[in-house]
């Protein structure tokens, strides 16, 4: 088992949930991935081993700031991807 099988960047989960919240679960995979990449490149990684670790990893103020930062990054990423659509 490799290291990457045992840890995760919790911000990826937050970004995915925020994208689905804003665009719905019917978003196509290409757009989901494009928006996620743009958003994640604006955010710091927060690695955890278990999801419950996130509660202890950050103070309440740090956690709220991260939630706010994810909100902004996803909104900005959606706008960016919408205005820079790939030509088929």
PDB file of N, CA and C in Angstrom:
ATOM      1  N   UNK A   1       0.846  -1.173   0.000  1.00  0.00           N
ATOM      2  CA  UNK A   1       0.000   0.000   0.000  1.00  0.00           C
ATOM      3  C   UNK A   1       0.897   1.243   0.000  1.00  0.00           C
ATOM      4  N   UNK A   2       0.615   2.171  -0.913  1.00  0.00           N
ATOM      5  CA  UNK A   2       1.448   3.363  -1.000  1.00  0.00           C
ATOM      6  C   UNK A   2       0.942   4.457  -0.060  1.00  0.00           C
ATOM      7  N   UNK A   3       1.780   5.437   0.138  1.00  0.00           N
ATOM      8  CA  UNK A   3       1.434   6.585   0.986  1.00  0.00           C
ATOM      9  C   UNK A   3       0.176   7.272   0.486  1.00  0.00           C
ATOM     10  N   UNK A   4       0.064   7.445  -0.830  1.00  0.00           N
ATOM     11  CA  UNK A   4      -1.092   8.159  -1.374  1.00  0.00           C
ATOM     12  C   UNK A   4      -2.393   7.380  -1.241  1.00  0.00           C
ATOM     13  N   UNK A   5      -2.302   6.081  -0.953  1.00  0.00           N
ATOM     14  CA  UNK A   5      -3.508   5.300  -0.678  1.00  0.00           C
ATOM     15  C   UNK A   5      -4.021   5.552   0.741  1.00  0.00           C
ATOM     16  N   UNK A   6      -3.170   6.135   1.584  1.00  0.00           N
ATOM     17  CA  UNK A   6      -3.511   6.288   2.992  1.00  0.00           C
ATOM     18  C   UNK A   6      -3.810   7.727   3.411  1.00  0.00           C
ATOM     19  N   UNK A   7      -3.538   8.685   2.535  1.00  0.00           N
ATOM     20  CA  UNK A   7      -3.806  10.081   2.865  1.00  0.00           C
ATOM     21  C   UNK A   7      -4.621  10.725   1.750  1.00  0.00           C
ATOM     22  N   UNK A   8      -5.271  11.814   2.081  1.00  0.00           N
ATOM     23  CA  UNK A   8      -6.023  12.545   1.064  1.00  0.00           C
ATOM     24  C   UNK A   8      -5.931  14.039   1.329  1.00  0.00           C
ATOM     25  N   UNK A   9      -6.087  14.803   0.269  1.00  0.00           N
ATOM     26  CA  UNK A   9      -6.166  16.253   0.378  1.00  0.00           C
ATOM     27  C   UNK A   9      -7.637  16.578   0.615  1.00  0.00           C
ATOM     28  N   UNK A  10      -7.990  16.927   1.836  1.00  0.00           N
ATOM     29  CA  UNK A  10      -9.386  17.158   2.183  1.00  0.00           C
ATOM     30  C   UNK A  10      -9.997  18.289   1.369  1.00  0.00           C
ATOM     31  N   UNK A  11      -9.179  19.225   0.914  1.00  0.00           N
ATOM     32  CA  UNK A  11      -9.684  20.341   0.120  1.00  0.00           C
ATOM     33  C   UNK A  11     -10.311  19.824  -1.181  1.00  0.00           C
ATOM     34  N   UNK A  12      -9.806  18.725  -1.725  1.00  0.00           N
ATOM     35  CA  UNK A  12     -10.400  18.150  -2.929  1.00  0.00           C
ATOM     36  C   UNK A  12     -11.857  17.767  -2.675  1.00  0.00           C
ATOM     37  N   UNK A  13     -12.119  17.173  -1.542  1.00  0.00           N
ATOM     38  CA  UNK A  13     -13.484  16.796  -1.170  1.00  0.00           C
ATOM     39  C   UNK A  13     -14.363  18.025  -1.023  1.00  0.00           C
ATOM     40  N   UNK A  14     -13.834  19.056  -0.363  1.00  0.00           N
ATOM     41  CA  UNK A  14     -14.594  20.287  -0.180  1.00  0.00           C
ATOM     42  C   UNK A  14     -14.929  20.933  -1.522  1.00  0.00           C
ATOM     43  N   UNK A  15     -13.953  20.968  -2.421  1.00  0.00           N
ATOM     44  CA  UNK A  15     -14.159  21.572  -3.740  1.00  0.00           C
ATOM     45  C   UNK A  15     -15.204  20.779  -4.524  1.00  0.00           C
ATOM     46  N   UNK A  16     -15.104  19.476  -4.532  1.00  0.00           N
ATOM     47  CA  UNK A  16     -16.072  18.654  -5.259  1.00  0.00           C
ATOM     48  C   UNK A  16     -17.488  18.880  -4.724  1.00  0.00           C
ATOM     49  N   UNK A  17     -17.637  18.895  -3.417  1.00  0.00           N
ATOM     50  CA  UNK A  17     -18.960  19.127  -2.823  1.00  0.00           C
ATOM     51  C   UNK A  17     -19.495  20.505  -3.194  1.00  0.00           C
ATOM     52  N   UNK A  18     -18.638  21.521  -3.192  1.00  0.00           N
ATOM     53  CA  UNK A  18     -19.069  22.883  -3.518  1.00  0.00           C
ATOM     54  C   UNK A  18     -19.462  22.983  -4.992  1.00  0.00           C
ATOM     55  N   UNK A  19     -18.719  22.314  -5.882  1.00  0.00           N
ATOM     56  CA  UNK A  19     -19.077  22.325  -7.300  1.00  0.00           C
ATOM     57  C   UNK A  19     -20.462  21.709  -7.492  1.00  0.00           C
ATOM     58  N   UNK A  20     -20.695  20.544  -6.875  1.00  0.00           N
ATOM     59  CA  UNK A  20     -22.003  19.891  -6.993  1.00  0.00           C
ATOM     60  C   UNK A  20     -23.106  20.768  -6.401  1.00  0.00           C
ATOM     61  N   UNK A  21     -22.801  21.441  -5.302  1.00  0.00           N
ATOM     62  CA  UNK A  21     -23.781  22.339  -4.682  1.00  0.00           C
ATOM     63  C   UNK A  21     -24.163  23.462  -5.651  1.00  0.00           C
ATOM     64  N   UNK A  22     -23.181  24.005  -6.341  1.00  0.00           N
ATOM     65  CA  UNK A  22     -23.423  25.151  -7.224  1.00  0.00           C
ATOM     66  C   UNK A  22     -23.963  24.746  -8.600  1.00  0.00           C
ATOM     67  N   UNK A  23     -23.508  23.613  -9.133  1.00  0.00           N
ATOM     68  CA  UNK A  23     -23.846  23.249 -10.511  1.00  0.00           C
ATOM     69  C   UNK A  23     -24.719  22.002 -10.626  1.00  0.00           C
ATOM     70  N   UNK A  24     -24.938  21.318  -9.528  1.00  0.00           N
ATOM     71  CA  UNK A  24     -25.756  20.117  -9.551  1.00  0.00           C
ATOM     72  C   UNK A  24     -24.952  18.881  -9.903  1.00  0.00           C
ATOM     73  N   UNK A  25     -25.508  17.763  -9.600  1.00  0.00           N
ATOM     74  CA  UNK A  25     -24.832  16.479  -9.820  1.00  0.00           C
ATOM     75  C   UNK A  25     -24.794  16.082 -11.293  1.00  0.00           C
ATOM     76  N   UNK A  26     -25.578  16.755 -12.124  1.00  0.00           N
ATOM     77  CA  UNK A  26     -25.615  16.390 -13.538  1.00  0.00           C
ATOM     78  C   UNK A  26     -24.497  17.033 -14.355  1.00  0.00           C
ATOM     79  N   UNK A  27     -23.614  17.785 -13.730  1.00  0.00           N
ATOM     80  CA  UNK A  27     -22.482  18.400 -14.434  1.00  0.00           C
ATOM     81  C   UNK A  27     -21.682  17.305 -15.146  1.00  0.00           C
ATOM     82  N   UNK A  28     -21.268  17.590 -16.377  1.00  0.00           N
ATOM     83  CA  UNK A  28     -20.500  16.565 -17.088  1.00  0.00           C
ATOM     84  C   UNK A  28     -19.073  16.488 -16.518  1.00  0.00           C
ATOM     85  N   UNK A  29     -18.475  15.323 -16.647  1.00  0.00           N
ATOM     86  CA  UNK A  29     -17.173  15.028 -16.031  1.00  0.00           C
ATOM     87  C   UNK A  29     -16.076  15.978 -16.488  1.00  0.00           C
ATOM     88  N   UNK A  30     -16.059  16.338 -17.765  1.00  0.00           N
ATOM     89  CA  UNK A  30     -15.018  17.249 -18.249  1.00  0.00           C
ATOM     90  C   UNK A  30     -15.109  18.602 -17.557  1.00  0.00           C
ATOM     91  N   UNK A  31     -16.312  19.136 -17.445  1.00  0.00           N
ATOM     92  CA  UNK A  31     -16.474  20.425 -16.765  1.00  0.00           C
ATOM     93  C   UNK A  31     -16.163  20.316 -15.283  1.00  0.00           C
ATOM     94  N   UNK A  32     -16.597  19.224 -14.656  1.00  0.00           N
ATOM     95  CA  UNK A  32     -16.299  19.009 -13.240  1.00  0.00           C
ATOM     96  C   UNK A  32     -14.793  19.036 -13.004  1.00  0.00           C
ATOM     97  N   UNK A  33     -14.061  18.310 -13.816  1.00  0.00           N
ATOM     98  CA  UNK A  33     -12.611  18.224 -13.651  1.00  0.00           C
ATOM     99  C   UNK A  33     -11.940  19.557 -13.944  1.00  0.00           C
ATOM    100  N   UNK A  34     -12.385  20.244 -14.998  1.00  0.00           N
ATOM    101  CA  UNK A  34     -11.806  21.557 -15.311  1.00  0.00           C
ATOM    102  C   UNK A  34     -12.015  22.545 -14.176  1.00  0.00           C
ATOM    103  N   UNK A  35     -13.237  22.627 -13.665  1.00  0.00           N
ATOM    104  CA  UNK A  35     -13.533  23.551 -12.564  1.00  0.00           C
ATOM    105  C   UNK A  35     -12.733  23.163 -11.326  1.00  0.00           C
ATOM    106  N   UNK A  36     -12.668  21.868 -11.027  1.00  0.00           N
ATOM    107  CA  UNK A  36     -11.919  21.414  -9.851  1.00  0.00           C
ATOM    108  C   UNK A  36     -10.441  21.782  -9.955  1.00  0.00           C
ATOM    109  N   UNK A  37      -9.842  21.568 -11.124  1.00  0.00           N
ATOM    110  CA  UNK A  37      -8.421  21.899 -11.299  1.00  0.00           C
ATOM    111  C   UNK A  37      -8.163  23.382 -11.105  1.00  0.00           C
ATOM    112  N   UNK A  38      -8.998  24.219 -11.707  1.00  0.00           N
ATOM    113  CA  UNK A  38      -8.809  25.662 -11.575  1.00  0.00           C
ATOM    114  C   UNK A  38      -8.967  26.076 -10.111  1.00  0.00           C
ATOM    115  N   UNK A  39      -9.988  25.563  -9.454  1.00  0.00           N
ATOM    116  CA  UNK A  39     -10.223  25.917  -8.050  1.00  0.00           C
ATOM    117  C   UNK A  39      -9.095  25.423  -7.147  1.00  0.00           C
ATOM    118  N   UNK A  40      -8.697  24.162  -7.313  1.00  0.00           N
ATOM    119  CA  UNK A  40      -7.670  23.590  -6.440  1.00  0.00           C
ATOM    120  C   UNK A  40      -6.323  24.281  -6.583  1.00  0.00           C
ATOM    121  N   UNK A  41      -6.034  24.803  -7.755  1.00  0.00           N
ATOM    122  CA  UNK A  41      -4.781  25.524  -7.937  1.00  0.00           C
ATOM    123  C   UNK A  41      -4.754  26.858  -7.198  1.00  0.00           C
ATOM    124  N   UNK A  42      -5.885  27.305  -6.706  1.00  0.00           N
ATOM    125  CA  UNK A  42      -5.964  28.546  -5.935  1.00  0.00           C
ATOM    126  C   UNK A  42      -5.926  28.303  -4.419  1.00  0.00           C
ATOM    127  N   UNK A  43      -5.930  27.048  -4.018  1.00  0.00           N
ATOM    128  CA  UNK A  43      -6.097  26.707  -2.596  1.00  0.00           C
ATOM    129  C   UNK A  43      -4.915  25.911  -2.058  1.00  0.00           C
ATOM    130  N   UNK A  44      -4.656  26.048  -0.752  1.00  0.00           N
ATOM    131  CA  UNK A  44      -3.605  25.223  -0.139  1.00  0.00           C
ATOM    132  C   UNK A  44      -4.110  23.795   0.058  1.00  0.00           C
ATOM    133  N   UNK A  45      -3.217  22.844  -0.017  1.00  0.00           N
ATOM    134  CA  UNK A  45      -3.576  21.453   0.263  1.00  0.00           C
ATOM    135  C   UNK A  45      -3.668  21.259   1.772  1.00  0.00           C
ATOM    136  N   UNK A  46      -4.596  20.440   2.191  1.00  0.00           N
ATOM    137  CA  UNK A  46      -4.760  20.078   3.608  1.00  0.00           C
ATOM    138  C   UNK A  46      -4.864  18.556   3.674  1.00  0.00           C
ATOM    139  N   UNK A  47      -3.721  17.922   3.928  1.00  0.00           N
ATOM    140  CA  UNK A  47      -3.684  16.469   3.921  1.00  0.00           C
ATOM    141  C   UNK A  47      -4.098  15.894   5.253  1.00  0.00           C
ATOM    142  N   UNK A  48      -4.923  14.850   5.167  1.00  0.00           N
ATOM    143  CA  UNK A  48      -5.395  14.146   6.360  1.00  0.00           C
ATOM    144  C   UNK A  48      -5.353  12.653   6.091  1.00  0.00           C
ATOM    145  N   UNK A  49      -5.393  11.891   7.151  1.00  0.00           N
ATOM    146  CA  UNK A  49      -5.459  10.442   7.009  1.00  0.00           C
ATOM    147  C   UNK A  49      -6.909   9.972   7.080  1.00  0.00           C
ATOM    148  N   UNK A  50      -7.661  10.530   8.009  1.00  0.00           N
ATOM    149  CA  UNK A  50      -9.072  10.205   8.182  1.00  0.00           C
ATOM    150  C   UNK A  50      -9.873  11.499   8.194  1.00  0.00           C
ATOM    151  N   UNK A  51     -11.078  11.464   7.638  1.00  0.00           N
ATOM    152  CA  UNK A  51     -11.907  12.673   7.563  1.00  0.00           C
ATOM    153  C   UNK A  51     -12.125  13.290   8.935  1.00  0.00           C
ATOM    154  N   UNK A  52     -12.217  12.480   9.963  1.00  0.00           N
ATOM    155  CA  UNK A  52     -12.428  13.004  11.310  1.00  0.00           C
ATOM    156  C   UNK A  52     -11.245  13.869  11.762  1.00  0.00           C
ATOM    157  N   UNK A  53     -10.049  13.629  11.181  1.00  0.00           N
ATOM    158  CA  UNK A  53      -8.872  14.427  11.526  1.00  0.00           C
ATOM    159  C   UNK A  53      -9.074  15.901  11.195  1.00  0.00           C
ATOM    160  N   UNK A  54      -9.906  16.178  10.193  1.00  0.00           N
ATOM    161  CA  UNK A  54     -10.103  17.558   9.761  1.00  0.00           C
ATOM    162  C   UNK A  54     -10.652  18.412  10.899  1.00  0.00           C
ATOM    163  N   UNK A  55     -11.492  17.834  11.739  1.00  0.00           N
ATOM    164  CA  UNK A  55     -12.070  18.570  12.859  1.00  0.00           C
ATOM    165  C   UNK A  55     -10.966  19.061  13.800  1.00  0.00           C
ATOM    166  N   UNK A  56      -9.931  18.277  13.959  1.00  0.00           N
ATOM    167  CA  UNK A  56      -8.851  18.615  14.881  1.00  0.00           C
ATOM    168  C   UNK A  56      -7.683  19.314  14.203  1.00  0.00           C
ATOM    169  N   UNK A  57      -7.649  19.267  12.883  1.00  0.00           N
ATOM    170  CA  UNK A  57      -6.519  19.779  12.111  1.00  0.00           C
ATOM    171  C   UNK A  57      -6.458  21.301  12.119  1.00  0.00           C
ATOM    172  N   UNK A  58      -7.620  21.941  12.097  1.00  0.00           N
ATOM    173  CA  UNK A  58      -7.691  23.398  12.018  1.00  0.00           C
ATOM    174  C   UNK A  58      -8.529  23.965  13.160  1.00  0.00           C
ATOM    175  N   UNK A  59      -8.202  25.173  13.559  1.00  0.00           N
ATOM    176  CA  UNK A  59      -9.028  25.868  14.543  1.00  0.00           C
ATOM    177  C   UNK A  59     -10.352  26.251  13.877  1.00  0.00           C
ATOM    178  N   UNK A  60     -11.373  26.578  14.649  1.00  0.00           N
ATOM    179  CA  UNK A  60     -12.649  27.005  14.044  1.00  0.00           C
ATOM    180  C   UNK A  60     -12.479  28.192  13.086  1.00  0.00           C
ATOM    181  N   UNK A  61     -11.634  29.155  13.438  1.00  0.00           N
ATOM    182  CA  UNK A  61     -11.411  30.304  12.555  1.00  0.00           C
ATOM    183  C   UNK A  61     -10.719  29.886  11.261  1.00  0.00           C
ATOM    184  N   UNK A  62      -9.723  29.012  11.353  1.00  0.00           N
ATOM    185  CA  UNK A  62      -9.017  28.528  10.159  1.00  0.00           C
ATOM    186  C   UNK A  62      -9.961  27.723   9.269  1.00  0.00           C
ATOM    187  N   UNK A  63     -10.805  26.903   9.903  1.00  0.00           N
ATOM    188  CA  UNK A  63     -11.763  26.095   9.166  1.00  0.00           C
ATOM    189  C   UNK A  63     -12.752  26.994   8.408  1.00  0.00           C
ATOM    190  N   UNK A  64     -13.256  28.038   9.079  1.00  0.00           N
ATOM    191  CA  UNK A  64     -14.197  28.947   8.422  1.00  0.00           C
ATOM    192  C   UNK A  64     -13.535  29.673   7.261  1.00  0.00           C
ATOM    193  N   UNK A  65     -12.287  30.096   7.465  1.00  0.00           N
ATOM    194  CA  UNK A  65     -11.555  30.765   6.372  1.00  0.00           C
ATOM    195  C   UNK A  65     -11.390  29.824   5.188  1.00  0.00           C
ATOM    196  N   UNK A  66     -11.076  28.559   5.454  1.00  0.00           N
ATOM    197  CA  UNK A  66     -10.923  27.595   4.374  1.00  0.00           C
ATOM    198  C   UNK A  66     -12.252  27.395   3.644  1.00  0.00           C
ATOM    199  N   UNK A  67     -13.360  27.291   4.377  1.00  0.00           N
ATOM    200  CA  UNK A  67     -14.675  27.167   3.738  1.00  0.00           C
ATOM    201  C   UNK A  67     -14.950  28.378   2.851  1.00  0.00           C
ATOM    202  N   UNK A  68     -14.643  29.567   3.355  1.00  0.00           N
ATOM    203  CA  UNK A  68     -14.842  30.798   2.577  1.00  0.00           C
ATOM    204  C   UNK A  68     -13.938  30.817   1.346  1.00  0.00           C
ATOM    205  N   UNK A  69     -12.695  30.397   1.518  1.00  0.00           N
ATOM    206  CA  UNK A  69     -11.746  30.358   0.397  1.00  0.00           C
ATOM    207  C   UNK A  69     -12.194  29.364  -0.671  1.00  0.00           C
ATOM    208  N   UNK A  70     -12.729  28.217  -0.250  1.00  0.00           N
ATOM    209  CA  UNK A  70     -13.238  27.223  -1.199  1.00  0.00           C
ATOM    210  C   UNK A  70     -14.419  27.804  -1.968  1.00  0.00           C
ATOM    211  N   UNK A  71     -15.311  28.470  -1.268  1.00  0.00           N
ATOM    212  CA  UNK A  71     -16.463  29.114  -1.912  1.00  0.00           C
ATOM    213  C   UNK A  71     -16.001  30.071  -3.010  1.00  0.00           C
ATOM    214  N   UNK A  72     -15.049  30.934  -2.678  1.00  0.00           N
ATOM    215  CA  UNK A  72     -14.536  31.913  -3.635  1.00  0.00           C
ATOM    216  C   UNK A  72     -13.815  31.231  -4.794  1.00  0.00           C
ATOM    217  N   UNK A  73     -12.953  30.263  -4.487  1.00  0.00           N
ATOM    218  CA  UNK A  73     -12.182  29.577  -5.530  1.00  0.00           C
ATOM    219  C   UNK A  73     -13.095  28.849  -6.508  1.00  0.00           C
ATOM    220  N   UNK A  74     -14.122  28.184  -6.002  1.00  0.00           N
ATOM    221  CA  UNK A  74     -15.038  27.458  -6.883  1.00  0.00           C
ATOM    222  C   UNK A  74     -15.853  28.434  -7.734  1.00  0.00           C
ATOM    223  N   UNK A  75     -16.334  29.500  -7.142  1.00  0.00           N
ATOM    224  CA  UNK A  75     -17.084  30.507  -7.911  1.00  0.00           C
ATOM    225  C   UNK A  75     -16.219  31.094  -9.019  1.00  0.00           C
ATOM    226  N   UNK A  76     -14.990  31.457  -8.668  1.00  0.00           N
ATOM    227  CA  UNK A  76     -14.070  32.008  -9.669  1.00  0.00           C
ATOM    228  C   UNK A  76     -13.749  30.977 -10.754  1.00  0.00           C
ATOM    229  N   UNK A  77     -13.575  29.723 -10.359  1.00  0.00           N
ATOM    230  CA  UNK A  77     -13.247  28.668 -11.317  1.00  0.00           C
ATOM    231  C   UNK A  77     -14.404  28.418 -12.282  1.00  0.00           C
ATOM    232  N   UNK A  78     -15.625  28.425 -11.773  1.00  0.00           N
ATOM    233  CA  UNK A  78     -16.791  28.242 -12.636  1.00  0.00           C
ATOM    234  C   UNK A  78     -16.839  29.355 -13.673  1.00  0.00           C
ATOM    235  N   UNK A  79     -16.652  30.575 -13.221  1.00  0.00           N
ATOM    236  CA  UNK A  79     -16.663  31.719 -14.138  1.00  0.00           C
ATOM    237  C   UNK A  79     -15.546  31.586 -15.183  1.00  0.00           C
ATOM    238  N   UNK A  80     -14.356  31.211 -14.740  1.00  0.00           N
ATOM    239  CA  UNK A  80     -13.224  31.072 -15.649  1.00  0.00           C
ATOM    240  C   UNK A  80     -13.498  29.996 -16.705  1.00  0.00           C
ATOM    241  N   UNK A  81     -13.952  28.832 -16.268  1.00  0.00           N
ATOM    242  CA  UNK A  81     -14.197  27.729 -17.201  1.00  0.00           C
ATOM    243  C   UNK A  81     -15.321  28.096 -18.171  1.00  0.00           C
ATOM    244  N   UNK A  82     -16.349  28.760 -17.673  1.00  0.00           N
ATOM    245  CA  UNK A  82     -17.450  29.178 -18.549  1.00  0.00           C
ATOM    246  C   UNK A  82     -16.977  30.144 -19.629  1.00  0.00           C
ATOM    247  N   UNK A  83     -16.053  31.033 -19.289  1.00  0.00           N
ATOM    248  CA  UNK A  83     -15.593  32.040 -20.260  1.00  0.00           C
ATOM    249  C   UNK A  83     -14.442  31.549 -21.128  1.00  0.00           C
ATOM    250  N   UNK A  84     -13.895  30.393 -20.804  1.00  0.00           N
ATOM    251  CA  UNK A  84     -12.770  29.829 -21.575  1.00  0.00           C
ATOM    252  C   UNK A  84     -13.094  28.407 -22.021  1.00  0.00           C
ATOM    253  N   UNK A  85     -14.288  28.206 -22.537  1.00  0.00           N
ATOM    254  CA  UNK A  85     -14.688  26.870 -22.981  1.00  0.00           C
ATOM    255  C   UNK A  85     -13.786  26.396 -24.113  1.00  0.00           C
ATOM    256  N   UNK A  86     -13.501  25.099 -24.103  1.00  0.00           N
ATOM    257  CA  UNK A  86     -12.692  24.479 -25.153  1.00  0.00           C
ATOM    258  C   UNK A  86     -13.496  24.401 -26.435  1.00  0.00           C
ATOM    259  N   UNK A  87     -12.807  24.571 -27.519  1.00  0.00           N
ATOM    260  CA  UNK A  87     -13.443  24.387 -28.834  1.00  0.00           C
ATOM    261  C   UNK A  87     -13.357  22.918 -29.225  1.00  0.00           C
ATOM    262  N   UNK A  88     -14.479  22.351 -29.575  1.00  0.00           N
ATOM    263  CA  UNK A  88     -14.514  20.911 -29.926  1.00  0.00           C
ATOM    264  C   UNK A  88     -13.974  20.653 -31.302  1.00  0.00           C
TER     265      UNK A  88
END
